[in-house]
Amino acid sequence: MKEDLLNKNNGDMHASSSTDYERMNEFLIQETGNSMDVFSNRYQITKRESEIFLMVAIYGFSNHEIAERCRISEKTVKIHLANIMNKAGIKSMRKLLSLLFNHVLYFQDANTLAEKK
């Protein structure tokens, strides 16, 4: 399944079915695990906002691609992303991505240290 999703990210997927979208969401949730849950809880990000944010962060999807896959308007995608930035107190997508990556790295380091104890 992971290879299928990566191939679709490389431009093979122009039209999306709900099954593909659901499989991608499951994959994103599995891959980010507790790290994204902690990030979302910390900044009070909704499940839908998290899904959209991960599509940007992991796959680099454009607003248009996200809108097609989620079957929502591009304006709705922009609103979700703006809400996330407001909740995190950040005004740029680059800084928001940096915040997420730093959080994930910190979370992984903390878990590694806890496992060693």
PDB file of N, CA and C in Angstrom:
ATOM      1  N   MET A   1       0.828  -1.192   0.000  1.00  0.00           N
ATOM      2  CA  MET A   1       0.000   0.000   0.000  1.00  0.00           C
ATOM      3  C   MET A   1       0.868   1.249   0.000  1.00  0.00           C
ATOM      4  N   LYS A   2       1.970   1.252   0.747  1.00  0.00           N
ATOM      5  CA  LYS A   2       2.845   2.420   0.818  1.00  0.00           C
ATOM      6  C   LYS A   2       3.378   2.769  -0.567  1.00  0.00           C
ATOM      7  N   GLU A   3       3.781   1.753  -1.357  1.00  0.00           N
ATOM      8  CA  GLU A   3       4.291   2.000  -2.693  1.00  0.00           C
ATOM      9  C   GLU A   3       3.208   2.573  -3.594  1.00  0.00           C
ATOM     10  N   ASP A   4       1.981   2.058  -3.472  1.00  0.00           N
ATOM     11  CA  ASP A   4       0.869   2.583  -4.264  1.00  0.00           C
ATOM     12  C   ASP A   4       0.675   4.064  -4.014  1.00  0.00           C
ATOM     13  N   LEU A   5       0.713   4.462  -2.750  1.00  0.00           N
ATOM     14  CA  LEU A   5       0.503   5.863  -2.406  1.00  0.00           C
ATOM     15  C   LEU A   5       1.651   6.728  -2.905  1.00  0.00           C
ATOM     16  N   LEU A   6       2.865   6.214  -2.819  1.00  0.00           N
ATOM     17  CA  LEU A   6       4.001   6.982  -3.307  1.00  0.00           C
ATOM     18  C   LEU A   6       3.946   7.139  -4.815  1.00  0.00           C
ATOM     19  N   ASN A   7       3.534   6.105  -5.540  1.00  0.00           N
ATOM     20  CA  ASN A   7       3.398   6.199  -6.988  1.00  0.00           C
ATOM     21  C   ASN A   7       2.333   7.208  -7.371  1.00  0.00           C
ATOM     22  N   LYS A   8       1.251   7.241  -6.619  1.00  0.00           N
ATOM     23  CA  LYS A   8       0.191   8.204  -6.892  1.00  0.00           C
ATOM     24  C   LYS A   8       0.683   9.621  -6.657  1.00  0.00           C
ATOM     25  N   ASN A   9       1.557   9.793  -5.704  1.00  0.00           N
ATOM     26  CA  ASN A   9       2.117  11.105  -5.422  1.00  0.00           C
ATOM     27  C   ASN A   9       2.994  11.587  -6.564  1.00  0.00           C
ATOM     28  N   ASN A  10       3.570  10.680  -7.329  1.00  0.00           N
ATOM     29  CA  ASN A  10       4.467  11.045  -8.413  1.00  0.00           C
ATOM     30  C   ASN A  10       3.729  11.445  -9.682  1.00  0.00           C
ATOM     31  N   GLY A  11       2.448  11.724  -9.585  1.00  0.00           N
ATOM     32  CA  GLY A  11       1.717  12.246 -10.721  1.00  0.00           C
ATOM     33  C   GLY A  11       0.805  11.245 -11.389  1.00  0.00           C
ATOM     34  N   ASP A  12       0.795   9.993 -10.958  1.00  0.00           N
ATOM     35  CA  ASP A  12      -0.054   8.994 -11.569  1.00  0.00           C
ATOM     36  C   ASP A  12      -1.510   9.150 -11.172  1.00  0.00           C
ATOM     37  N   MET A  13      -1.793   9.931 -10.147  1.00  0.00           N
ATOM     38  CA  MET A  13      -3.162  10.044  -9.639  1.00  0.00           C
ATOM     39  C   MET A  13      -3.713  11.424  -9.953  1.00  0.00           C
ATOM     40  N   HIS A  14      -4.609  11.462 -10.932  1.00  0.00           N
ATOM     41  CA  HIS A  14      -5.228  12.737 -11.273  1.00  0.00           C
ATOM     42  C   HIS A  14      -6.634  12.820 -10.709  1.00  0.00           C
ATOM     43  N   ALA A  15      -7.361  11.729 -10.814  1.00  0.00           N
ATOM     44  CA  ALA A  15      -8.701  11.677 -10.232  1.00  0.00           C
ATOM     45  C   ALA A  15      -8.643  10.756  -9.031  1.00  0.00           C
ATOM     46  N   SER A  16      -9.341  11.144  -7.998  1.00  0.00           N
ATOM     47  CA  SER A  16      -9.261  10.383  -6.758  1.00  0.00           C
ATOM     48  C   SER A  16     -10.612   9.803  -6.409  1.00  0.00           C
ATOM     49  N   SER A  17     -10.614   8.561  -5.955  1.00  0.00           N
ATOM     50  CA  SER A  17     -11.857   7.979  -5.455  1.00  0.00           C
ATOM     51  C   SER A  17     -11.851   8.080  -3.943  1.00  0.00           C
ATOM     52  N   SER A  18     -12.999   7.902  -3.341  1.00  0.00           N
ATOM     53  CA  SER A  18     -13.063   7.993  -1.890  1.00  0.00           C
ATOM     54  C   SER A  18     -12.237   6.890  -1.247  1.00  0.00           C
ATOM     55  N   THR A  19     -12.129   5.730  -1.898  1.00  0.00           N
ATOM     56  CA  THR A  19     -11.325   4.632  -1.366  1.00  0.00           C
ATOM     57  C   THR A  19      -9.861   5.032  -1.294  1.00  0.00           C
ATOM     58  N   ASP A  20      -9.345   5.658  -2.336  1.00  0.00           N
ATOM     59  CA  ASP A  20      -7.958   6.123  -2.342  1.00  0.00           C
ATOM     60  C   ASP A  20      -7.730   7.139  -1.235  1.00  0.00           C
ATOM     61  N   TYR A  21      -8.667   8.046  -1.079  1.00  0.00           N
ATOM     62  CA  TYR A  21      -8.548   9.078  -0.053  1.00  0.00           C
ATOM     63  C   TYR A  21      -8.539   8.444   1.335  1.00  0.00           C
ATOM     64  N   GLU A  22      -9.431   7.494   1.559  1.00  0.00           N
ATOM     65  CA  GLU A  22      -9.492   6.826   2.861  1.00  0.00           C
ATOM     66  C   GLU A  22      -8.214   6.047   3.133  1.00  0.00           C
ATOM     67  N   ARG A  23      -7.692   5.349   2.131  1.00  0.00           N
ATOM     68  CA  ARG A  23      -6.443   4.593   2.294  1.00  0.00           C
ATOM     69  C   ARG A  23      -5.284   5.542   2.592  1.00  0.00           C
ATOM     70  N   MET A  24      -5.262   6.681   1.929  1.00  0.00           N
ATOM     71  CA  MET A  24      -4.189   7.639   2.166  1.00  0.00           C
ATOM     72  C   MET A  24      -4.274   8.184   3.585  1.00  0.00           C
ATOM     73  N   ASN A  25      -5.465   8.495   4.052  1.00  0.00           N
ATOM     74  CA  ASN A  25      -5.623   8.995   5.422  1.00  0.00           C
ATOM     75  C   ASN A  25      -5.174   7.961   6.444  1.00  0.00           C
ATOM     76  N   GLU A  26      -5.546   6.708   6.227  1.00  0.00           N
ATOM     77  CA  GLU A  26      -5.112   5.650   7.134  1.00  0.00           C
ATOM     78  C   GLU A  26      -3.589   5.557   7.165  1.00  0.00           C
ATOM     79  N   PHE A  27      -2.987   5.635   5.991  1.00  0.00           N
ATOM     80  CA  PHE A  27      -1.531   5.578   5.893  1.00  0.00           C
ATOM     81  C   PHE A  27      -0.886   6.744   6.641  1.00  0.00           C
ATOM     82  N   LEU A  28      -1.412   7.951   6.444  1.00  0.00           N
ATOM     83  CA  LEU A  28      -0.857   9.133   7.110  1.00  0.00           C
ATOM     84  C   LEU A  28      -0.946   8.994   8.621  1.00  0.00           C
ATOM     85  N   ILE A  29      -2.078   8.518   9.097  1.00  0.00           N
ATOM     86  CA  ILE A  29      -2.272   8.372  10.540  1.00  0.00           C
ATOM     87  C   ILE A  29      -1.312   7.327  11.097  1.00  0.00           C
ATOM     88  N   GLN A  30      -1.146   6.210  10.379  1.00  0.00           N
ATOM     89  CA  GLN A  30      -0.232   5.158  10.834  1.00  0.00           C
ATOM     90  C   GLN A  30       1.210   5.645  10.858  1.00  0.00           C
ATOM     91  N   GLU A  31       1.616   6.360   9.829  1.00  0.00           N
ATOM     92  CA  GLU A  31       3.009   6.788   9.704  1.00  0.00           C
ATOM     93  C   GLU A  31       3.385   7.862  10.723  1.00  0.00           C
ATOM     94  N   THR A  32       2.467   8.741  11.036  1.00  0.00           N
ATOM     95  CA  THR A  32       2.791   9.812  11.978  1.00  0.00           C
ATOM     96  C   THR A  32       2.482   9.417  13.411  1.00  0.00           C
ATOM     97  N   GLY A  33       1.551   8.474  13.563  1.00  0.00           N
ATOM     98  CA  GLY A  33       1.249   7.929  14.879  1.00  0.00           C
ATOM     99  C   GLY A  33       0.975   8.974  15.938  1.00  0.00           C
ATOM    100  N   ASN A  34       1.518   8.714  17.120  1.00  0.00           N
ATOM    101  CA  ASN A  34       1.266   9.569  18.275  1.00  0.00           C
ATOM    102  C   ASN A  34       1.832  10.969  18.108  1.00  0.00           C
ATOM    103  N   SER A  35       2.867  11.109  17.314  1.00  0.00           N
ATOM    104  CA  SER A  35       3.498  12.411  17.143  1.00  0.00           C
ATOM    105  C   SER A  35       2.510  13.454  16.623  1.00  0.00           C
ATOM    106  N   MET A  36       1.747  13.090  15.600  1.00  0.00           N
ATOM    107  CA  MET A  36       0.769  14.037  15.054  1.00  0.00           C
ATOM    108  C   MET A  36      -0.374  14.245  16.028  1.00  0.00           C
ATOM    109  N   ASP A  37      -0.743  13.207  16.765  1.00  0.00           N
ATOM    110  CA  ASP A  37      -1.797  13.354  17.775  1.00  0.00           C
ATOM    111  C   ASP A  37      -1.390  14.380  18.828  1.00  0.00           C
ATOM    112  N   VAL A  38      -0.164  14.269  19.294  1.00  0.00           N
ATOM    113  CA  VAL A  38       0.332  15.205  20.314  1.00  0.00           C
ATOM    114  C   VAL A  38       0.389  16.617  19.738  1.00  0.00           C
ATOM    115  N   PHE A  39       0.885  16.738  18.502  1.00  0.00           N
ATOM    116  CA  PHE A  39       0.957  18.042  17.836  1.00  0.00           C
ATOM    117  C   PHE A  39      -0.446  18.641  17.702  1.00  0.00           C
ATOM    118  N   SER A  40      -1.386  17.828  17.231  1.00  0.00           N
ATOM    119  CA  SER A  40      -2.770  18.301  17.048  1.00  0.00           C
ATOM    120  C   SER A  40      -3.406  18.716  18.367  1.00  0.00           C
ATOM    121  N   ASN A  41      -3.192  17.922  19.404  1.00  0.00           N
ATOM    122  CA  ASN A  41      -3.747  18.267  20.717  1.00  0.00           C
ATOM    123  C   ASN A  41      -3.134  19.552  21.256  1.00  0.00           C
ATOM    124  N   ARG A  42      -1.840  19.699  21.079  1.00  0.00           N
ATOM    125  CA  ARG A  42      -1.156  20.882  21.605  1.00  0.00           C
ATOM    126  C   ARG A  42      -1.698  22.162  20.991  1.00  0.00           C
ATOM    127  N   TYR A  43      -1.963  22.118  19.682  1.00  0.00           N
ATOM    128  CA  TYR A  43      -2.423  23.321  18.984  1.00  0.00           C
ATOM    129  C   TYR A  43      -3.918  23.298  18.695  1.00  0.00           C
ATOM    130  N   GLN A  44      -4.639  22.323  19.245  1.00  0.00           N
ATOM    131  CA  GLN A  44      -6.089  22.182  19.086  1.00  0.00           C
ATOM    132  C   GLN A  44      -6.504  22.139  17.611  1.00  0.00           C
ATOM    133  N   ILE A  45      -5.781  21.325  16.849  1.00  0.00           N
ATOM    134  CA  ILE A  45      -6.042  21.165  15.426  1.00  0.00           C
ATOM    135  C   ILE A  45      -7.039  20.024  15.254  1.00  0.00           C
ATOM    136  N   THR A  46      -8.061  20.254  14.444  1.00  0.00           N
ATOM    137  CA  THR A  46      -9.082  19.227  14.218  1.00  0.00           C
ATOM    138  C   THR A  46      -8.525  18.090  13.369  1.00  0.00           C
ATOM    139  N   LYS A  47      -9.252  16.985  13.355  1.00  0.00           N
ATOM    140  CA  LYS A  47      -8.838  15.833  12.558  1.00  0.00           C
ATOM    141  C   LYS A  47      -8.735  16.212  11.082  1.00  0.00           C
ATOM    142  N   ARG A  48      -9.707  16.941  10.584  1.00  0.00           N
ATOM    143  CA  ARG A  48      -9.704  17.338   9.167  1.00  0.00           C
ATOM    144  C   ARG A  48      -8.523  18.258   8.872  1.00  0.00           C
ATOM    145  N   GLU A  49      -8.264  19.209   9.766  1.00  0.00           N
ATOM    146  CA  GLU A  49      -7.116  20.097   9.582  1.00  0.00           C
ATOM    147  C   GLU A  49      -5.814  19.297   9.568  1.00  0.00           C
ATOM    148  N   SER A  50      -5.721  18.311  10.441  1.00  0.00           N
ATOM    149  CA  SER A  50      -4.534  17.458  10.492  1.00  0.00           C
ATOM    150  C   SER A  50      -4.347  16.702   9.185  1.00  0.00           C
ATOM    151  N   GLU A  51      -5.418  16.145   8.667  1.00  0.00           N
ATOM    152  CA  GLU A  51      -5.350  15.408   7.403  1.00  0.00           C
ATOM    153  C   GLU A  51      -4.842  16.300   6.281  1.00  0.00           C
ATOM    154  N   ILE A  52      -5.393  17.494   6.201  1.00  0.00           N
ATOM    155  CA  ILE A  52      -4.999  18.427   5.142  1.00  0.00           C
ATOM    156  C   ILE A  52      -3.553  18.870   5.331  1.00  0.00           C
ATOM    157  N   PHE A  53      -3.188  19.166   6.559  1.00  0.00           N
ATOM    158  CA  PHE A  53      -1.819  19.586   6.844  1.00  0.00           C
ATOM    159  C   PHE A  53      -0.819  18.491   6.481  1.00  0.00           C
ATOM    160  N   LEU A  54      -1.157  17.243   6.776  1.00  0.00           N
ATOM    161  CA  LEU A  54      -0.260  16.137   6.442  1.00  0.00           C
ATOM    162  C   LEU A  54      -0.122  15.942   4.933  1.00  0.00           C
ATOM    163  N   MET A  55      -1.172  16.230   4.196  1.00  0.00           N
ATOM    164  CA  MET A  55      -1.074  16.137   2.742  1.00  0.00           C
ATOM    165  C   MET A  55      -0.066  17.143   2.196  1.00  0.00           C
ATOM    166  N   VAL A  56       0.020  18.283   2.837  1.00  0.00           N
ATOM    167  CA  VAL A  56       1.022  19.287   2.454  1.00  0.00           C
ATOM    168  C   VAL A  56       2.396  18.855   2.939  1.00  0.00           C
ATOM    169  N   ALA A  57       2.488  18.493   4.208  1.00  0.00           N
ATOM    170  CA  ALA A  57       3.779  18.212   4.834  1.00  0.00           C
ATOM    171  C   ALA A  57       4.442  16.952   4.302  1.00  0.00           C
ATOM    172  N   ILE A  58       3.685  15.891   4.121  1.00  0.00           N
ATOM    173  CA  ILE A  58       4.272  14.626   3.709  1.00  0.00           C
ATOM    174  C   ILE A  58       4.362  14.496   2.194  1.00  0.00           C
ATOM    175  N   TYR A  59       3.301  14.874   1.500  1.00  0.00           N
ATOM    176  CA  TYR A  59       3.259  14.680   0.058  1.00  0.00           C
ATOM    177  C   TYR A  59       3.541  15.935  -0.763  1.00  0.00           C
ATOM    178  N   GLY A  60       3.476  17.091  -0.131  1.00  0.00           N
ATOM    179  CA  GLY A  60       3.705  18.332  -0.865  1.00  0.00           C
ATOM    180  C   GLY A  60       2.582  18.678  -1.825  1.00  0.00           C
ATOM    181  N   PHE A  61       1.369  18.187  -1.530  1.00  0.00           N
ATOM    182  CA  PHE A  61       0.236  18.459  -2.400  1.00  0.00           C
ATOM    183  C   PHE A  61      -0.087  19.947  -2.414  1.00  0.00           C
ATOM    184  N   SER A  62      -0.509  20.427  -3.560  1.00  0.00           N
ATOM    185  CA  SER A  62      -0.976  21.807  -3.686  1.00  0.00           C
ATOM    186  C   SER A  62      -2.398  21.901  -3.139  1.00  0.00           C
ATOM    187  N   ASN A  63      -2.859  23.125  -2.936  1.00  0.00           N
ATOM    188  CA  ASN A  63      -4.240  23.317  -2.477  1.00  0.00           C
ATOM    189  C   ASN A  63      -5.223  22.692  -3.459  1.00  0.00           C
ATOM    190  N   HIS A  64      -4.934  22.828  -4.742  1.00  0.00           N
ATOM    191  CA  HIS A  64      -5.803  22.268  -5.780  1.00  0.00           C
ATOM    192  C   HIS A  64      -5.846  20.743  -5.686  1.00  0.00           C
ATOM    193  N   GLU A  65      -4.690  20.105  -5.509  1.00  0.00           N
ATOM    194  CA  GLU A  65      -4.645  18.649  -5.386  1.00  0.00           C
ATOM    195  C   GLU A  65      -5.387  18.169  -4.141  1.00  0.00           C
ATOM    196  N   ILE A  66      -5.212  18.888  -3.042  1.00  0.00           N
ATOM    197  CA  ILE A  66      -5.915  18.523  -1.807  1.00  0.00           C
ATOM    198  C   ILE A  66      -7.421  18.656  -2.009  1.00  0.00           C
ATOM    199  N   ALA A  67      -7.831  19.746  -2.632  1.00  0.00           N
ATOM    200  CA  ALA A  67      -9.257  19.962  -2.876  1.00  0.00           C
ATOM    201  C   ALA A  67      -9.853  18.827  -3.702  1.00  0.00           C
ATOM    202  N   GLU A  68      -9.134  18.404  -4.735  1.00  0.00           N
ATOM    203  CA  GLU A  68      -9.632  17.297  -5.566  1.00  0.00           C
ATOM    204  C   GLU A  68      -9.738  16.005  -4.763  1.00  0.00           C
ATOM    205  N   ARG A  69      -8.715  15.699  -3.983  1.00  0.00           N
ATOM    206  CA  ARG A  69      -8.692  14.446  -3.237  1.00  0.00           C
ATOM    207  C   ARG A  69      -9.735  14.418  -2.118  1.00  0.00           C
ATOM    208  N   CYS A  70      -9.949  15.562  -1.490  1.00  0.00           N
ATOM    209  CA  CYS A  70     -10.913  15.634  -0.375  1.00  0.00           C
ATOM    210  C   CYS A  70     -12.308  15.989  -0.845  1.00  0.00           C
ATOM    211  N   ARG A  71     -12.418  16.336  -2.117  1.00  0.00           N
ATOM    212  CA  ARG A  71     -13.696  16.752  -2.701  1.00  0.00           C
ATOM    213  C   ARG A  71     -14.284  17.950  -1.969  1.00  0.00           C
ATOM    214  N   ILE A  72     -13.413  18.946  -1.792  1.00  0.00           N
ATOM    215  CA  ILE A  72     -13.810  20.225  -1.203  1.00  0.00           C
ATOM    216  C   ILE A  72     -13.248  21.319  -2.094  1.00  0.00           C
ATOM    217  N   SER A  73     -13.617  22.550  -1.840  1.00  0.00           N
ATOM    218  CA  SER A  73     -13.105  23.649  -2.666  1.00  0.00           C
ATOM    219  C   SER A  73     -11.705  24.051  -2.218  1.00  0.00           C
ATOM    220  N   GLU A  74     -10.987  24.693  -3.124  1.00  0.00           N
ATOM    221  CA  GLU A  74      -9.655  25.204  -2.777  1.00  0.00           C
ATOM    222  C   GLU A  74      -9.765  26.243  -1.661  1.00  0.00           C
ATOM    223  N   LYS A  75     -10.847  27.008  -1.671  1.00  0.00           N
ATOM    224  CA  LYS A  75     -11.043  28.009  -0.629  1.00  0.00           C
ATOM    225  C   LYS A  75     -11.150  27.341   0.745  1.00  0.00           C
ATOM    226  N   THR A  76     -11.828  26.209   0.805  1.00  0.00           N
ATOM    227  CA  THR A  76     -11.945  25.478   2.070  1.00  0.00           C
ATOM    228  C   THR A  76     -10.583  24.968   2.528  1.00  0.00           C
ATOM    229  N   VAL A  77      -9.768  24.496   1.593  1.00  0.00           N
ATOM    230  CA  VAL A  77      -8.408  24.055   1.929  1.00  0.00           C
ATOM    231  C   VAL A  77      -7.633  25.219   2.523  1.00  0.00           C
ATOM    232  N   LYS A  78      -7.705  26.379   1.873  1.00  0.00           N
ATOM    233  CA  LYS A  78      -6.991  27.573   2.360  1.00  0.00           C
ATOM    234  C   LYS A  78      -7.465  27.967   3.757  1.00  0.00           C
ATOM    235  N   ILE A  79      -8.759  27.847   3.999  1.00  0.00           N
ATOM    236  CA  ILE A  79      -9.310  28.195   5.313  1.00  0.00           C
ATOM    237  C   ILE A  79      -8.768  27.238   6.378  1.00  0.00           C
ATOM    238  N   HIS A  80      -8.750  25.941   6.060  1.00  0.00           N
ATOM    239  CA  HIS A  80      -8.208  24.962   7.014  1.00  0.00           C
ATOM    240  C   HIS A  80      -6.746  25.275   7.334  1.00  0.00           C
ATOM    241  N   LEU A  81      -5.943  25.547   6.312  1.00  0.00           N
ATOM    242  CA  LEU A  81      -4.525  25.840   6.530  1.00  0.00           C
ATOM    243  C   LEU A  81      -4.352  27.143   7.317  1.00  0.00           C
ATOM    244  N   ALA A  82      -5.164  28.138   7.019  1.00  0.00           N
ATOM    245  CA  ALA A  82      -5.105  29.404   7.765  1.00  0.00           C
ATOM    246  C   ALA A  82      -5.474  29.184   9.231  1.00  0.00           C
ATOM    247  N   ASN A  83      -6.467  28.345   9.473  1.00  0.00           N
ATOM    248  CA  ASN A  83      -6.865  28.030  10.854  1.00  0.00           C
ATOM    249  C   ASN A  83      -5.719  27.377  11.618  1.00  0.00           C
ATOM    250  N   ILE A  84      -5.022  26.455  10.967  1.00  0.00           N
ATOM    251  CA  ILE A  84      -3.880  25.788  11.609  1.00  0.00           C
ATOM    252  C   ILE A  84      -2.804  26.807  11.954  1.00  0.00           C
ATOM    253  N   MET A  85      -2.485  27.676  11.005  1.00  0.00           N
ATOM    254  CA  MET A  85      -1.448  28.686  11.249  1.00  0.00           C
ATOM    255  C   MET A  85      -1.853  29.624  12.376  1.00  0.00           C
ATOM    256  N   ASN A  86      -3.108  30.016  12.414  1.00  0.00           N
ATOM    257  CA  ASN A  86      -3.591  30.878  13.501  1.00  0.00           C
ATOM    258  C   ASN A  86      -3.474  30.183  14.855  1.00  0.00           C
ATOM    259  N   LYS A  87      -3.868  28.917  14.906  1.00  0.00           N
ATOM    260  CA  LYS A  87      -3.801  28.170  16.165  1.00  0.00           C
ATOM    261  C   LYS A  87      -2.369  28.013  16.654  1.00  0.00           C
ATOM    262  N   ALA A  88      -1.431  27.872  15.713  1.00  0.00           N
ATOM    263  CA  ALA A  88      -0.023  27.700  16.078  1.00  0.00           C
ATOM    264  C   ALA A  88       0.688  29.041  16.262  1.00  0.00           C
ATOM    265  N   GLY A  89       0.011  30.130  15.920  1.00  0.00           N
ATOM    266  CA  GLY A  89       0.609  31.459  16.050  1.00  0.00           C
ATOM    267  C   GLY A  89       1.704  31.714  15.035  1.00  0.00           C
ATOM    268  N   ILE A  90       1.536  31.158  13.846  1.00  0.00           N
ATOM    269  CA  ILE A  90       2.547  31.258  12.793  1.00  0.00           C
ATOM    270  C   ILE A  90       1.903  31.856  11.549  1.00  0.00           C
ATOM    271  N   LYS A  91       2.691  32.647  10.821  1.00  0.00           N
ATOM    272  CA  LYS A  91       2.129  33.335   9.661  1.00  0.00           C
ATOM    273  C   LYS A  91       2.644  32.827   8.319  1.00  0.00           C
ATOM    274  N   SER A  92       3.493  31.799   8.334  1.00  0.00           N
ATOM    275  CA  SER A  92       3.976  31.277   7.055  1.00  0.00           C
ATOM    276  C   SER A  92       3.947  29.755   7.059  1.00  0.00           C
ATOM    277  N   MET A  93       3.651  29.193   5.898  1.00  0.00           N
ATOM    278  CA  MET A  93       3.591  27.736   5.763  1.00  0.00           C
ATOM    279  C   MET A  93       4.956  27.122   6.022  1.00  0.00           C
ATOM    280  N   ARG A  94       6.019  27.770   5.612  1.00  0.00           N
ATOM    281  CA  ARG A  94       7.367  27.243   5.847  1.00  0.00           C
ATOM    282  C   ARG A  94       7.654  27.116   7.338  1.00  0.00           C
ATOM    283  N   LYS A  95       7.277  28.122   8.102  1.00  0.00           N
ATOM    284  CA  LYS A  95       7.503  28.060   9.547  1.00  0.00           C
ATOM    285  C   LYS A  95       6.609  27.015  10.198  1.00  0.00           C
ATOM    286  N   LEU A  96       5.405  26.857   9.678  1.00  0.00           N
ATOM    287  CA  LEU A  96       4.507  25.832  10.201  1.00  0.00           C
ATOM    288  C   LEU A  96       5.078  24.438   9.940  1.00  0.00           C
ATOM    289  N   LEU A  97       5.595  24.212   8.744  1.00  0.00           N
ATOM    290  CA  LEU A  97       6.218  22.928   8.431  1.00  0.00           C
ATOM    291  C   LEU A  97       7.434  22.687   9.313  1.00  0.00           C
ATOM    292  N   SER A  98       8.217  23.727   9.525  1.00  0.00           N
ATOM    293  CA  SER A  98       9.379  23.620  10.404  1.00  0.00           C
ATOM    294  C   SER A  98       8.951  23.253  11.821  1.00  0.00           C
ATOM    295  N   LEU A  99       7.887  23.874  12.304  1.00  0.00           N
ATOM    296  CA  LEU A  99       7.365  23.572  13.634  1.00  0.00           C
ATOM    297  C   LEU A  99       6.971  22.101  13.734  1.00  0.00           C
ATOM    298  N   LEU A 100       6.271  21.604  12.722  1.00  0.00           N
ATOM    299  CA  LEU A 100       5.853  20.208  12.715  1.00  0.00           C
ATOM    300  C   LEU A 100       7.060  19.280  12.700  1.00  0.00           C
ATOM    301  N   PHE A 101       8.019  19.534  11.831  1.00  0.00           N
ATOM    302  CA  PHE A 101       9.182  18.653  11.736  1.00  0.00           C
ATOM    303  C   PHE A 101       9.997  18.666  13.020  1.00  0.00           C
ATOM    304  N   ASN A 102      10.159  19.834  13.608  1.00  0.00           N
ATOM    305  CA  ASN A 102      10.865  19.903  14.887  1.00  0.00           C
ATOM    306  C   ASN A 102      10.117  19.140  15.975  1.00  0.00           C
ATOM    307  N   HIS A 103       8.807  19.264  15.970  1.00  0.00           N
ATOM    308  CA  HIS A 103       7.983  18.544  16.939  1.00  0.00           C
ATOM    309  C   HIS A 103       8.153  17.036  16.763  1.00  0.00           C
ATOM    310  N   VAL A 104       8.085  16.559  15.513  1.00  0.00           N
ATOM    311  CA  VAL A 104       8.212  15.129  15.240  1.00  0.00           C
ATOM    312  C   VAL A 104       9.589  14.632  15.677  1.00  0.00           C
ATOM    313  N   LEU A 105      10.633  15.380  15.348  1.00  0.00           N
ATOM    314  CA  LEU A 105      11.985  14.979  15.736  1.00  0.00           C
ATOM    315  C   LEU A 105      12.135  14.948  17.255  1.00  0.00           C
ATOM    316  N   TYR A 106      11.619  15.959  17.924  1.00  0.00           N
ATOM    317  CA  TYR A 106      11.682  16.004  19.383  1.00  0.00           C
ATOM    318  C   TYR A 106      10.913  14.839  19.989  1.00  0.00           C
ATOM    319  N   PHE A 107       9.729  14.572  19.439  1.00  0.00           N
ATOM    320  CA  PHE A 107       8.879  13.497  19.940  1.00  0.00           C
ATOM    321  C   PHE A 107       9.582  12.153  19.772  1.00  0.00           C
ATOM    322  N   GLN A 108      10.213  11.941  18.617  1.00  0.00           N
ATOM    323  CA  GLN A 108      10.932  10.689  18.381  1.00  0.00           C
ATOM    324  C   GLN A 108      12.116  10.548  19.327  1.00  0.00           C
ATOM    325  N   ASP A 109      12.857  11.635  19.543  1.00  0.00           N
ATOM    326  CA  ASP A 109      13.982  11.604  20.474  1.00  0.00           C
ATOM    327  C   ASP A 109      13.514  11.283  21.894  1.00  0.00           C
ATOM    328  N   ALA A 110      12.422  11.905  22.303  1.00  0.00           N
ATOM    329  CA  ALA A 110      11.886  11.669  23.644  1.00  0.00           C
ATOM    330  C   ALA A 110      11.453  10.210  23.800  1.00  0.00           C
ATOM    331  N   ASN A 111      10.824   9.653  22.764  1.00  0.00           N
ATOM    332  CA  ASN A 111      10.402   8.254  22.827  1.00  0.00           C
ATOM    333  C   ASN A 111      11.595   7.306  22.856  1.00  0.00           C
ATOM    334  N   THR A 112      12.639   7.635  22.098  1.00  0.00           N
ATOM    335  CA  THR A 112      13.844   6.808  22.082  1.00  0.00           C
ATOM    336  C   THR A 112      14.497   6.799  23.460  1.00  0.00           C
ATOM    337  N   LEU A 113      14.582   7.962  24.102  1.00  0.00           N
ATOM    338  CA  LEU A 113      15.145   8.036  25.436  1.00  0.00           C
ATOM    339  C   LEU A 113      14.307   7.261  26.448  1.00  0.00           C
ATOM    340  N   ALA A 114      13.002   7.356  26.331  1.00  0.00           N
ATOM    341  CA  ALA A 114      12.105   6.643  27.257  1.00  0.00           C
ATOM    342  C   ALA A 114      12.246   5.128  27.089  1.00  0.00           C
ATOM    343  N   GLU A 115      12.441   4.675  25.849  1.00  0.00           N
ATOM    344  CA  GLU A 115      12.591   3.240  25.597  1.00  0.00           C
ATOM    345  C   GLU A 115      13.897   2.699  26.174  1.00  0.00           C
ATOM    346  N   LYS A 116      14.925   3.528  26.202  1.00  0.00           N
ATOM    347  CA  LYS A 116      16.228   3.103  26.712  1.00  0.00           C
ATOM    348  C   LYS A 116      16.221   2.951  28.226  1.00  0.00           C
ATOM    349  N   LYS A 117      15.298   3.633  28.909  1.00  0.00           N
ATOM    350  CA  LYS A 117      15.231   3.585  30.371  1.00  0.00           C
ATOM    351  C   LYS A 117      14.680   2.324  30.871  1.00  0.00           C
TER     352      LYS A 117
END
